[in-house]
N, C-alpha and C. Protein backbone atom coordinates (compact mmCIF):
# COMPACT_ATOMS: atom_id res chain seq x y z
N MET A 1 48.14 -47.11 15.36
CA MET A 1 46.74 -47.42 15.67
C MET A 1 46.15 -46.32 16.54
N ASN A 2 44.93 -45.90 16.21
CA ASN A 2 44.24 -44.90 17.01
C ASN A 2 43.86 -45.51 18.35
N GLN A 3 44.29 -44.85 19.43
CA GLN A 3 44.04 -45.43 20.76
C GLN A 3 42.56 -45.55 21.07
N GLU A 4 41.78 -44.50 20.71
CA GLU A 4 40.35 -44.56 21.01
C GLU A 4 39.69 -45.75 20.31
N ALA A 5 40.07 -45.97 19.05
CA ALA A 5 39.50 -47.10 18.31
C ALA A 5 39.87 -48.42 18.97
N GLY A 6 41.12 -48.53 19.44
CA GLY A 6 41.56 -49.75 20.12
C GLY A 6 40.79 -49.99 21.40
N PHE A 7 40.55 -48.93 22.17
CA PHE A 7 39.81 -49.07 23.41
C PHE A 7 38.41 -49.63 23.13
N VAL A 8 37.72 -49.04 22.16
CA VAL A 8 36.33 -49.41 21.88
C VAL A 8 36.25 -50.81 21.26
N GLU A 9 37.18 -51.11 20.36
CA GLU A 9 37.14 -52.37 19.62
C GLU A 9 37.17 -53.59 20.54
N HIS A 10 37.95 -53.52 21.59
CA HIS A 10 38.14 -54.68 22.45
C HIS A 10 37.38 -54.58 23.79
N LEU A 11 36.59 -53.55 23.95
CA LEU A 11 35.88 -53.34 25.21
C LEU A 11 34.70 -54.31 25.33
N ALA A 12 34.63 -55.00 26.46
CA ALA A 12 33.53 -55.94 26.68
C ALA A 12 32.20 -55.18 26.71
N SER A 13 31.18 -55.75 26.09
CA SER A 13 29.89 -55.06 26.02
C SER A 13 28.73 -55.90 26.53
N ASN A 14 29.04 -57.12 27.01
CA ASN A 14 28.00 -58.04 27.48
C ASN A 14 27.65 -57.73 28.94
N ARG A 15 26.72 -56.79 29.14
CA ARG A 15 26.33 -56.39 30.50
C ARG A 15 25.07 -57.13 30.94
N TYR A 16 24.97 -57.37 32.24
CA TYR A 16 23.79 -58.03 32.78
C TYR A 16 23.71 -57.73 34.28
N PHE A 17 22.62 -58.12 34.89
CA PHE A 17 22.48 -57.96 36.34
C PHE A 17 22.75 -59.31 36.99
N ASP A 18 23.75 -59.37 37.85
CA ASP A 18 24.11 -60.61 38.52
C ASP A 18 23.24 -60.75 39.78
N ARG A 19 22.33 -61.72 39.75
CA ARG A 19 21.40 -61.89 40.87
C ARG A 19 22.08 -62.40 42.13
N LYS A 20 23.10 -63.25 41.95
CA LYS A 20 23.79 -63.82 43.10
C LYS A 20 24.41 -62.74 43.97
N PHE A 21 25.02 -61.73 43.31
CA PHE A 21 25.69 -60.66 44.06
C PHE A 21 24.90 -59.35 44.04
N ALA A 22 23.70 -59.39 43.44
CA ALA A 22 22.84 -58.20 43.34
C ALA A 22 23.65 -57.00 42.85
N ALA A 23 24.31 -57.19 41.71
CA ALA A 23 25.19 -56.14 41.20
C ALA A 23 25.15 -56.08 39.68
N GLU A 24 25.36 -54.88 39.15
CA GLU A 24 25.56 -54.73 37.71
C GLU A 24 26.85 -55.44 37.36
N ALA A 25 26.85 -56.19 36.27
CA ALA A 25 28.02 -56.99 35.92
C ALA A 25 28.30 -56.91 34.42
N VAL A 26 29.51 -57.26 34.07
CA VAL A 26 29.90 -57.35 32.66
C VAL A 26 30.69 -58.64 32.48
N LYS A 27 30.37 -59.36 31.40
CA LYS A 27 31.08 -60.60 31.09
C LYS A 27 32.22 -60.28 30.13
N VAL A 28 33.44 -60.66 30.49
CA VAL A 28 34.62 -60.40 29.66
C VAL A 28 35.00 -61.67 28.91
N LEU A 29 34.86 -61.64 27.60
CA LEU A 29 35.12 -62.80 26.75
C LEU A 29 36.56 -62.79 26.23
N PRO A 30 37.02 -63.89 25.63
CA PRO A 30 38.40 -63.93 25.11
C PRO A 30 38.68 -62.78 24.14
N GLY A 31 39.81 -62.10 24.37
CA GLY A 31 40.21 -60.98 23.54
C GLY A 31 39.62 -59.65 23.97
N GLU A 32 38.81 -59.66 25.04
CA GLU A 32 38.18 -58.43 25.51
C GLU A 32 38.79 -57.96 26.82
N TYR A 33 38.41 -56.74 27.21
CA TYR A 33 38.79 -56.21 28.53
C TYR A 33 37.70 -55.23 28.95
N PHE A 34 37.73 -54.82 30.21
CA PHE A 34 36.75 -53.85 30.69
C PHE A 34 37.38 -53.05 31.82
N VAL A 35 37.04 -51.77 31.90
CA VAL A 35 37.51 -50.93 33.00
C VAL A 35 36.34 -50.12 33.54
N THR A 36 36.41 -49.77 34.81
CA THR A 36 35.33 -48.99 35.41
C THR A 36 35.83 -48.21 36.62
N ALA A 37 35.18 -47.08 36.85
CA ALA A 37 35.45 -46.29 38.06
C ALA A 37 34.32 -46.48 39.06
N THR A 38 33.34 -47.32 38.72
CA THR A 38 32.25 -47.64 39.63
C THR A 38 32.35 -49.12 40.00
N ASN A 39 31.48 -49.55 40.89
CA ASN A 39 31.59 -50.92 41.36
C ASN A 39 30.82 -51.90 40.47
N VAL A 40 31.23 -51.97 39.20
CA VAL A 40 30.64 -52.94 38.28
C VAL A 40 31.41 -54.25 38.43
N LEU A 41 30.69 -55.32 38.69
CA LEU A 41 31.30 -56.63 38.84
C LEU A 41 31.77 -57.13 37.48
N MET A 42 33.02 -57.61 37.40
CA MET A 42 33.54 -58.17 36.15
C MET A 42 33.66 -59.68 36.31
N VAL A 43 33.19 -60.40 35.30
CA VAL A 43 33.14 -61.86 35.38
C VAL A 43 33.75 -62.45 34.11
N THR A 44 34.56 -63.47 34.26
CA THR A 44 35.08 -64.18 33.10
C THR A 44 35.28 -65.65 33.44
N VAL A 45 35.33 -66.49 32.42
CA VAL A 45 35.61 -67.91 32.58
C VAL A 45 36.86 -68.22 31.79
N LEU A 46 37.86 -68.79 32.46
CA LEU A 46 39.17 -69.01 31.87
C LEU A 46 39.50 -70.48 31.75
N GLY A 47 40.07 -70.85 30.63
CA GLY A 47 40.65 -72.17 30.46
C GLY A 47 42.16 -71.99 30.35
N SER A 48 42.67 -72.06 29.11
CA SER A 48 44.09 -71.82 28.87
C SER A 48 44.44 -70.34 28.93
N CYS A 49 43.43 -69.49 28.73
CA CYS A 49 43.66 -68.04 28.73
C CYS A 49 44.02 -67.55 30.13
N VAL A 50 44.50 -66.32 30.18
CA VAL A 50 44.87 -65.68 31.44
C VAL A 50 44.11 -64.37 31.55
N SER A 51 43.77 -64.01 32.78
CA SER A 51 43.12 -62.74 33.05
C SER A 51 43.91 -62.00 34.11
N ALA A 52 44.16 -60.71 33.85
CA ALA A 52 44.78 -59.84 34.85
C ALA A 52 43.70 -58.88 35.36
N CYS A 53 43.52 -58.85 36.67
CA CYS A 53 42.62 -57.88 37.31
C CYS A 53 43.51 -56.82 37.93
N ILE A 54 43.46 -55.62 37.39
CA ILE A 54 44.36 -54.55 37.84
C ILE A 54 43.53 -53.39 38.35
N ARG A 55 43.95 -52.82 39.49
CA ARG A 55 43.20 -51.69 40.06
C ARG A 55 44.13 -50.70 40.73
N ASP A 56 43.64 -49.46 40.83
CA ASP A 56 44.30 -48.43 41.62
C ASP A 56 43.83 -48.65 43.06
N ARG A 57 44.77 -48.98 43.94
CA ARG A 57 44.42 -49.32 45.33
C ARG A 57 43.71 -48.18 46.06
N GLU A 58 44.03 -46.94 45.70
CA GLU A 58 43.46 -45.80 46.42
C GLU A 58 42.14 -45.32 45.83
N LYS A 59 42.03 -45.33 44.50
CA LYS A 59 40.85 -44.77 43.85
C LYS A 59 39.78 -45.81 43.53
N GLY A 60 40.14 -47.09 43.55
CA GLY A 60 39.16 -48.12 43.25
C GLY A 60 38.82 -48.25 41.78
N ILE A 61 39.60 -47.60 40.91
CA ILE A 61 39.41 -47.75 39.47
C ILE A 61 40.06 -49.07 39.07
N GLY A 62 39.30 -49.92 38.38
CA GLY A 62 39.86 -51.23 38.09
C GLY A 62 39.43 -51.77 36.74
N GLY A 63 40.13 -52.81 36.31
CA GLY A 63 39.80 -53.42 35.04
C GLY A 63 40.27 -54.86 34.97
N MET A 64 39.73 -55.57 33.99
CA MET A 64 40.05 -56.98 33.78
C MET A 64 40.25 -57.21 32.28
N ASN A 65 41.23 -58.04 31.93
CA ASN A 65 41.36 -58.48 30.54
C ASN A 65 41.25 -59.99 30.48
N HIS A 66 41.28 -60.53 29.27
CA HIS A 66 41.15 -61.98 29.06
C HIS A 66 41.88 -62.26 27.75
N PHE A 67 43.05 -62.89 27.85
CA PHE A 67 43.86 -63.04 26.63
C PHE A 67 44.63 -64.35 26.61
N MET A 68 45.15 -64.63 25.42
CA MET A 68 45.97 -65.81 25.17
C MET A 68 47.09 -65.39 24.23
N LEU A 69 48.28 -65.94 24.43
CA LEU A 69 49.33 -65.70 23.46
C LEU A 69 49.01 -66.48 22.20
N ALA A 70 49.39 -65.91 21.06
CA ALA A 70 49.21 -66.66 19.81
C ALA A 70 50.10 -67.89 19.86
N ASP A 71 49.70 -68.94 19.16
CA ASP A 71 50.51 -70.15 19.12
C ASP A 71 51.83 -69.84 18.43
N ALA A 72 52.94 -69.96 19.17
CA ALA A 72 54.24 -69.54 18.66
C ALA A 72 54.80 -70.49 17.62
N GLY A 73 54.38 -71.75 17.66
CA GLY A 73 54.96 -72.71 16.73
C GLY A 73 56.39 -72.99 17.11
N GLU A 74 57.32 -72.31 16.47
CA GLU A 74 58.73 -72.45 16.81
C GLU A 74 59.10 -71.45 17.89
N ALA A 75 60.14 -71.80 18.64
CA ALA A 75 60.57 -70.93 19.74
C ALA A 75 60.93 -69.54 19.27
N SER A 76 61.46 -69.43 18.05
CA SER A 76 61.88 -68.13 17.54
C SER A 76 60.71 -67.17 17.35
N ALA A 77 59.49 -67.72 17.32
CA ALA A 77 58.31 -66.88 17.12
C ALA A 77 57.71 -66.40 18.43
N LEU A 78 58.33 -66.73 19.55
CA LEU A 78 57.77 -66.35 20.85
C LEU A 78 57.61 -64.85 21.00
N SER A 79 58.59 -64.08 20.52
CA SER A 79 58.51 -62.63 20.69
C SER A 79 57.30 -62.07 19.94
N ALA A 80 57.03 -62.60 18.75
CA ALA A 80 55.86 -62.16 17.99
C ALA A 80 54.58 -62.58 18.72
N SER A 81 54.58 -63.79 19.25
CA SER A 81 53.43 -64.28 19.99
C SER A 81 53.13 -63.39 21.19
N ALA A 82 54.19 -62.98 21.89
CA ALA A 82 54.02 -62.18 23.10
C ALA A 82 53.39 -60.82 22.82
N ARG A 83 53.40 -60.39 21.57
CA ARG A 83 52.78 -59.10 21.25
C ARG A 83 51.30 -59.10 21.62
N TYR A 84 50.64 -60.26 21.51
CA TYR A 84 49.22 -60.34 21.85
C TYR A 84 49.01 -60.10 23.34
N GLY A 85 49.87 -60.71 24.15
CA GLY A 85 49.78 -60.49 25.58
C GLY A 85 50.14 -59.07 25.96
N THR A 86 51.19 -58.54 25.34
CA THR A 86 51.62 -57.17 25.62
C THR A 86 50.51 -56.19 25.26
N TYR A 87 49.89 -56.40 24.13
CA TYR A 87 48.80 -55.54 23.68
C TYR A 87 47.65 -55.58 24.68
N ALA A 88 47.27 -56.79 25.11
CA ALA A 88 46.16 -56.95 26.05
C ALA A 88 46.45 -56.26 27.38
N MET A 89 47.70 -56.35 27.83
CA MET A 89 48.07 -55.72 29.10
C MET A 89 48.15 -54.20 28.96
N GLU A 90 48.76 -53.73 27.87
CA GLU A 90 48.94 -52.29 27.71
C GLU A 90 47.64 -51.55 27.48
N ILE A 91 46.72 -52.16 26.71
CA ILE A 91 45.46 -51.46 26.46
C ILE A 91 44.66 -51.34 27.76
N LEU A 92 44.74 -52.36 28.62
CA LEU A 92 44.07 -52.31 29.93
C LEU A 92 44.70 -51.24 30.81
N ILE A 93 46.01 -51.26 30.93
CA ILE A 93 46.71 -50.28 31.79
C ILE A 93 46.49 -48.86 31.28
N ASN A 94 46.60 -48.66 29.97
CA ASN A 94 46.41 -47.32 29.41
C ASN A 94 45.02 -46.77 29.68
N HIS A 95 44.02 -47.64 29.58
CA HIS A 95 42.65 -47.18 29.82
C HIS A 95 42.45 -46.83 31.29
N LEU A 96 43.05 -47.62 32.18
CA LEU A 96 42.98 -47.30 33.61
C LEU A 96 43.60 -45.94 33.89
N LEU A 97 44.77 -45.68 33.31
CA LEU A 97 45.46 -44.40 33.51
C LEU A 97 44.64 -43.26 32.93
N LYS A 98 44.02 -43.50 31.79
CA LYS A 98 43.19 -42.48 31.16
C LYS A 98 42.01 -42.10 32.05
N MET A 99 41.51 -43.07 32.82
CA MET A 99 40.37 -42.82 33.71
C MET A 99 40.78 -42.20 35.04
N GLY A 100 42.09 -42.01 35.23
CA GLY A 100 42.56 -41.34 36.44
C GLY A 100 43.34 -42.19 37.41
N ALA A 101 43.53 -43.47 37.09
CA ALA A 101 44.35 -44.32 37.97
C ALA A 101 45.80 -43.83 37.92
N ARG A 102 46.52 -44.02 39.01
CA ARG A 102 47.94 -43.64 39.05
C ARG A 102 48.78 -44.89 38.98
N ARG A 103 49.80 -44.82 38.14
CA ARG A 103 50.61 -46.01 37.88
C ARG A 103 51.23 -46.59 39.15
N ASN A 104 51.70 -45.72 40.04
CA ASN A 104 52.36 -46.24 41.25
C ASN A 104 51.37 -46.77 42.29
N ASN A 105 50.07 -46.66 42.02
CA ASN A 105 49.05 -47.22 42.92
C ASN A 105 48.48 -48.54 42.39
N LEU A 106 48.94 -48.97 41.22
CA LEU A 106 48.35 -50.16 40.61
C LEU A 106 48.81 -51.44 41.30
N GLU A 107 47.89 -52.40 41.41
CA GLU A 107 48.22 -53.74 41.86
C GLU A 107 47.44 -54.72 41.00
N ALA A 108 47.95 -55.93 40.88
CA ALA A 108 47.33 -56.92 40.00
C ALA A 108 47.02 -58.22 40.73
N LYS A 109 46.00 -58.89 40.25
CA LYS A 109 45.70 -60.27 40.64
C LYS A 109 45.50 -61.03 39.34
N VAL A 110 46.15 -62.19 39.21
CA VAL A 110 46.15 -62.88 37.91
C VAL A 110 45.67 -64.32 38.04
N PHE A 111 44.97 -64.78 36.99
CA PHE A 111 44.29 -66.07 37.05
C PHE A 111 44.32 -66.77 35.70
N GLY A 112 44.15 -68.09 35.73
CA GLY A 112 44.00 -68.86 34.51
C GLY A 112 45.22 -69.67 34.14
N GLY A 113 45.38 -69.91 32.85
CA GLY A 113 46.51 -70.70 32.37
C GLY A 113 46.37 -72.19 32.64
N GLY A 114 45.14 -72.68 32.74
CA GLY A 114 44.92 -74.09 32.99
C GLY A 114 45.15 -74.93 31.74
N ARG A 115 45.51 -76.17 31.92
CA ARG A 115 45.69 -77.08 30.78
C ARG A 115 44.36 -77.79 30.55
N VAL A 116 43.48 -77.13 29.82
CA VAL A 116 42.13 -77.67 29.64
C VAL A 116 41.80 -78.01 28.20
N MET A 117 42.64 -77.60 27.27
CA MET A 117 42.39 -77.87 25.86
C MET A 117 43.37 -78.93 25.37
N ALA A 118 42.88 -80.13 25.21
CA ALA A 118 43.76 -81.25 24.85
C ALA A 118 44.53 -80.98 23.57
N THR A 119 43.90 -80.31 22.61
CA THR A 119 44.55 -80.08 21.33
C THR A 119 45.69 -79.07 21.44
N LEU A 120 45.68 -78.28 22.51
CA LEU A 120 46.73 -77.27 22.67
C LEU A 120 47.74 -77.65 23.74
N SER A 121 47.54 -78.79 24.40
CA SER A 121 48.40 -79.13 25.53
C SER A 121 49.85 -79.30 25.11
N SER A 122 50.09 -79.76 23.89
CA SER A 122 51.47 -79.99 23.46
C SER A 122 52.25 -78.70 23.35
N SER A 123 51.56 -77.60 23.08
CA SER A 123 52.27 -76.32 22.94
C SER A 123 52.30 -75.54 24.26
N GLN A 124 51.77 -76.14 25.32
CA GLN A 124 51.84 -75.55 26.67
C GLN A 124 51.31 -74.12 26.70
N VAL A 125 50.15 -73.93 26.09
CA VAL A 125 49.57 -72.59 26.00
C VAL A 125 49.37 -71.98 27.38
N GLY A 126 48.76 -72.73 28.30
CA GLY A 126 48.51 -72.18 29.63
C GLY A 126 49.78 -71.79 30.35
N GLU A 127 50.80 -72.63 30.26
CA GLU A 127 52.08 -72.34 30.91
C GLU A 127 52.71 -71.08 30.34
N ARG A 128 52.66 -70.94 29.02
CA ARG A 128 53.24 -69.74 28.39
C ARG A 128 52.48 -68.49 28.78
N ASN A 129 51.15 -68.60 28.83
CA ASN A 129 50.35 -67.44 29.23
C ASN A 129 50.67 -67.02 30.66
N ALA A 130 50.76 -68.00 31.56
CA ALA A 130 51.05 -67.70 32.97
C ALA A 130 52.44 -67.08 33.12
N ARG A 131 53.41 -67.65 32.44
CA ARG A 131 54.78 -67.13 32.51
C ARG A 131 54.85 -65.70 31.97
N PHE A 132 54.12 -65.47 30.87
CA PHE A 132 54.13 -64.14 30.27
C PHE A 132 53.57 -63.09 31.23
N VAL A 133 52.39 -63.36 31.83
CA VAL A 133 51.76 -62.32 32.66
C VAL A 133 52.59 -62.03 33.91
N ARG A 134 53.22 -63.06 34.48
CA ARG A 134 54.10 -62.83 35.63
C ARG A 134 55.29 -61.95 35.24
N THR A 135 55.90 -62.27 34.10
CA THR A 135 57.08 -61.52 33.64
C THR A 135 56.71 -60.09 33.30
N PHE A 136 55.58 -59.89 32.63
CA PHE A 136 55.15 -58.56 32.24
C PHE A 136 54.96 -57.67 33.46
N LEU A 137 54.24 -58.16 34.45
CA LEU A 137 53.97 -57.37 35.65
C LEU A 137 55.25 -57.06 36.41
N ARG A 138 56.14 -58.04 36.50
CA ARG A 138 57.42 -57.81 37.19
C ARG A 138 58.23 -56.74 36.45
N THR A 139 58.28 -56.84 35.13
CA THR A 139 59.03 -55.87 34.32
C THR A 139 58.46 -54.47 34.45
N GLU A 140 57.13 -54.36 34.51
CA GLU A 140 56.48 -53.05 34.60
C GLU A 140 56.40 -52.53 36.03
N GLY A 141 56.86 -53.33 37.00
CA GLY A 141 56.87 -52.87 38.39
C GLY A 141 55.50 -52.80 39.02
N ILE A 142 54.56 -53.62 38.53
CA ILE A 142 53.21 -53.66 39.11
C ILE A 142 53.13 -54.87 40.04
N PRO A 143 52.96 -54.66 41.34
CA PRO A 143 52.96 -55.79 42.27
C PRO A 143 51.77 -56.72 42.06
N THR A 144 52.01 -58.01 42.24
CA THR A 144 50.95 -59.01 42.15
C THR A 144 50.49 -59.35 43.56
N ALA A 145 49.25 -58.98 43.86
CA ALA A 145 48.72 -59.19 45.21
C ALA A 145 48.20 -60.61 45.40
N ALA A 146 47.84 -61.28 44.31
CA ALA A 146 47.33 -62.66 44.40
C ALA A 146 47.39 -63.30 43.02
N GLU A 147 47.49 -64.62 43.00
CA GLU A 147 47.42 -65.33 41.73
C GLU A 147 46.88 -66.74 41.93
N ASP A 148 46.23 -67.24 40.89
CA ASP A 148 45.77 -68.63 40.85
C ASP A 148 45.97 -69.06 39.40
N LEU A 149 47.14 -69.62 39.13
CA LEU A 149 47.53 -69.95 37.76
C LEU A 149 47.81 -71.44 37.61
N LEU A 150 47.80 -71.89 36.36
CA LEU A 150 48.14 -73.27 35.99
C LEU A 150 47.09 -74.27 36.51
N ASP A 151 47.47 -75.49 36.80
CA ASP A 151 46.55 -76.57 37.15
C ASP A 151 45.82 -77.05 35.89
N SER A 152 44.81 -77.85 36.05
CA SER A 152 44.14 -78.44 34.89
C SER A 152 42.66 -78.08 34.81
N TYR A 153 42.21 -77.13 35.66
CA TYR A 153 40.79 -76.81 35.70
C TYR A 153 40.49 -75.44 35.10
N PRO A 154 39.33 -75.32 34.45
CA PRO A 154 38.84 -73.99 34.10
C PRO A 154 38.46 -73.25 35.38
N ARG A 155 38.40 -71.94 35.30
CA ARG A 155 38.05 -71.11 36.45
C ARG A 155 37.02 -70.07 36.07
N LYS A 156 36.12 -69.78 36.98
CA LYS A 156 35.23 -68.63 36.83
C LYS A 156 35.70 -67.59 37.83
N VAL A 157 35.96 -66.38 37.34
CA VAL A 157 36.55 -65.32 38.16
C VAL A 157 35.58 -64.15 38.29
N TYR A 158 35.36 -63.71 39.52
CA TYR A 158 34.54 -62.54 39.81
C TYR A 158 35.45 -61.47 40.41
N PHE A 159 35.47 -60.28 39.80
CA PHE A 159 36.35 -59.20 40.26
C PHE A 159 35.51 -57.99 40.65
N PHE A 160 35.67 -57.56 41.90
CA PHE A 160 34.99 -56.38 42.43
C PHE A 160 36.02 -55.25 42.50
N PRO A 161 36.09 -54.37 41.50
CA PRO A 161 37.18 -53.42 41.40
C PRO A 161 37.27 -52.40 42.54
N GLU A 162 36.12 -52.02 43.11
CA GLU A 162 36.13 -50.99 44.14
C GLU A 162 36.92 -51.44 45.37
N THR A 163 36.78 -52.71 45.73
CA THR A 163 37.47 -53.22 46.92
C THR A 163 38.69 -54.08 46.57
N GLY A 164 38.75 -54.54 45.32
CA GLY A 164 39.84 -55.43 44.91
C GLY A 164 39.56 -56.89 45.22
N ARG A 165 38.38 -57.18 45.75
CA ARG A 165 38.02 -58.56 46.09
C ARG A 165 37.87 -59.40 44.82
N VAL A 166 38.40 -60.61 44.85
CA VAL A 166 38.26 -61.54 43.74
C VAL A 166 37.80 -62.89 44.28
N LEU A 167 36.80 -63.46 43.64
CA LEU A 167 36.35 -64.81 43.98
C LEU A 167 36.67 -65.71 42.79
N VAL A 168 37.23 -66.86 43.06
CA VAL A 168 37.58 -67.80 42.00
C VAL A 168 36.87 -69.13 42.27
N LYS A 169 36.14 -69.59 41.28
CA LYS A 169 35.46 -70.88 41.38
C LYS A 169 36.09 -71.82 40.37
N LYS A 170 36.69 -72.91 40.84
CA LYS A 170 37.26 -73.90 39.93
C LYS A 170 36.14 -74.80 39.43
N LEU A 171 36.07 -74.92 38.11
CA LEU A 171 35.00 -75.70 37.50
C LEU A 171 35.49 -77.13 37.29
N LEU A 172 35.17 -77.99 38.24
CA LEU A 172 35.66 -79.36 38.19
C LEU A 172 34.95 -80.16 37.09
N ARG A 173 33.74 -79.74 36.76
CA ARG A 173 33.01 -80.39 35.67
C ARG A 173 32.49 -79.33 34.73
N MET A 174 32.71 -79.52 33.45
CA MET A 174 32.17 -78.61 32.45
C MET A 174 30.84 -79.19 31.94
N HIS A 175 29.79 -78.39 32.05
CA HIS A 175 28.48 -78.87 31.63
C HIS A 175 28.27 -78.73 30.12
N ASN A 176 29.08 -77.92 29.48
CA ASN A 176 29.00 -77.81 28.02
C ASN A 176 30.38 -77.44 27.49
N ASP A 177 30.48 -77.33 26.18
CA ASP A 177 31.79 -77.09 25.58
C ASP A 177 31.98 -75.63 25.17
N THR A 178 31.17 -74.72 25.73
CA THR A 178 31.23 -73.32 25.33
C THR A 178 32.61 -72.73 25.56
N LEU A 179 33.19 -72.97 26.73
CA LEU A 179 34.51 -72.40 27.04
C LEU A 179 35.57 -72.86 26.04
N ILE A 180 35.63 -74.17 25.82
CA ILE A 180 36.65 -74.70 24.91
C ILE A 180 36.41 -74.20 23.49
N ARG A 181 35.15 -74.11 23.08
CA ARG A 181 34.85 -73.61 21.74
C ARG A 181 35.29 -72.15 21.59
N ARG A 182 35.00 -71.33 22.60
CA ARG A 182 35.41 -69.92 22.55
C ARG A 182 36.92 -69.77 22.47
N GLU A 183 37.63 -70.58 23.26
CA GLU A 183 39.09 -70.46 23.25
C GLU A 183 39.68 -70.93 21.93
N LYS A 184 39.10 -71.98 21.35
CA LYS A 184 39.58 -72.45 20.04
C LYS A 184 39.34 -71.40 18.96
N GLU A 185 38.15 -70.77 19.01
CA GLU A 185 37.84 -69.73 18.03
C GLU A 185 38.76 -68.54 18.20
N TYR A 186 39.04 -68.18 19.45
CA TYR A 186 39.94 -67.07 19.75
C TYR A 186 41.35 -67.39 19.26
N ALA A 187 41.83 -68.61 19.52
CA ALA A 187 43.16 -69.02 19.06
C ALA A 187 43.24 -68.95 17.53
N ALA A 188 42.16 -69.34 16.85
CA ALA A 188 42.14 -69.29 15.39
C ALA A 188 42.20 -67.85 14.90
N ARG A 189 41.51 -66.93 15.60
CA ARG A 189 41.55 -65.51 15.21
C ARG A 189 42.96 -64.96 15.36
N LEU A 190 43.64 -65.34 16.45
CA LEU A 190 45.00 -64.86 16.67
C LEU A 190 45.93 -65.35 15.56
N ALA A 191 45.72 -66.58 15.12
CA ALA A 191 46.58 -67.14 14.07
C ALA A 191 46.37 -66.43 12.74
N GLU A 192 45.15 -65.95 12.51
CA GLU A 192 44.83 -65.33 11.22
C GLU A 192 45.15 -63.85 11.17
N ALA A 193 44.96 -63.14 12.26
CA ALA A 193 45.06 -61.68 12.21
C ALA A 193 46.17 -61.16 13.12
N PRO A 194 47.24 -60.62 12.54
CA PRO A 194 48.31 -60.05 13.36
C PRO A 194 47.84 -58.79 14.08
N VAL A 195 48.43 -58.50 15.23
CA VAL A 195 48.12 -57.27 15.96
C VAL A 195 48.57 -56.09 15.11
N ALA A 196 47.66 -55.14 14.91
CA ALA A 196 47.99 -53.95 14.12
C ALA A 196 48.40 -52.82 15.03
N GLY A 197 49.57 -52.24 14.75
CA GLY A 197 50.01 -51.07 15.49
C GLY A 197 50.53 -51.38 16.88
N GLU A 198 50.98 -50.36 17.54
CA GLU A 198 51.53 -50.47 18.87
C GLU A 198 50.82 -49.49 19.78
N ILE A 199 50.81 -49.77 21.06
CA ILE A 199 50.28 -48.84 22.05
C ILE A 199 51.39 -48.53 23.03
N GLU A 200 51.66 -47.27 23.21
CA GLU A 200 52.72 -46.88 24.11
C GLU A 200 52.15 -46.57 25.49
N LEU A 201 52.87 -47.00 26.51
CA LEU A 201 52.46 -46.68 27.88
C LEU A 201 52.82 -45.23 28.15
N PHE A 202 51.96 -44.55 28.94
CA PHE A 202 52.26 -43.16 29.28
C PHE A 202 52.11 -42.98 30.78
C-alpha cells in the first residue's frame, strides 16, 4: 500500500471552530485519525471504539485516532481482527514521525472501550479494543501517561496536542443515536472490507 495514499484516505477532514475553547478544531470519526504540529484541538466521541492520543513530549507534535477491532467471531480470528487496530496505530505513529516527532519522545493517553452497543456486548468489543491498545503500546515501548477505558458510558474526548492536555466528558445520557449508528456502520465496513497492505514502522 502506498503510504501517502493511506495517510490521506483516513485523515479526518471535518474542521470547525470550537467556540467553547476558542480554537480551531477537527472532529475525528470512526476509522479516521489526525495529526498536527500546531495547536489544533482534536475532538472525538467514543462508544465501544478506542482512541489513542499520542504526542512528542518535547515538540508538541500530536495526533489522535479512532478505531475498533473487527468482530473476530471465533477466537482463532483474533489475529486477523487485530490488524485493524495495528493499522490504526501504525498509520498514526508513522505520520507523527514523518512530521518530525521522535519515537523515544512519544507518550500516549488512551480512551474509550465502553460497553454501549447492546448488539455487540456479547462479543466484548470494548474490552477487546481496550486490551489491544494497552498491549500495543506496551509492546512498542510507548508509555501511557493516562487512560480512561471500559465502563458503560460513551465519552467525548478533547485533545490539545501542544500541551498534551486531555479533557474527557462522560455522556451519561445520549440525546440521539448518532454515536451508535456511526459505530454500527463502521463495524459493518470492517466486516466487509479487509485491510489492504501493511505499513512498516520506521
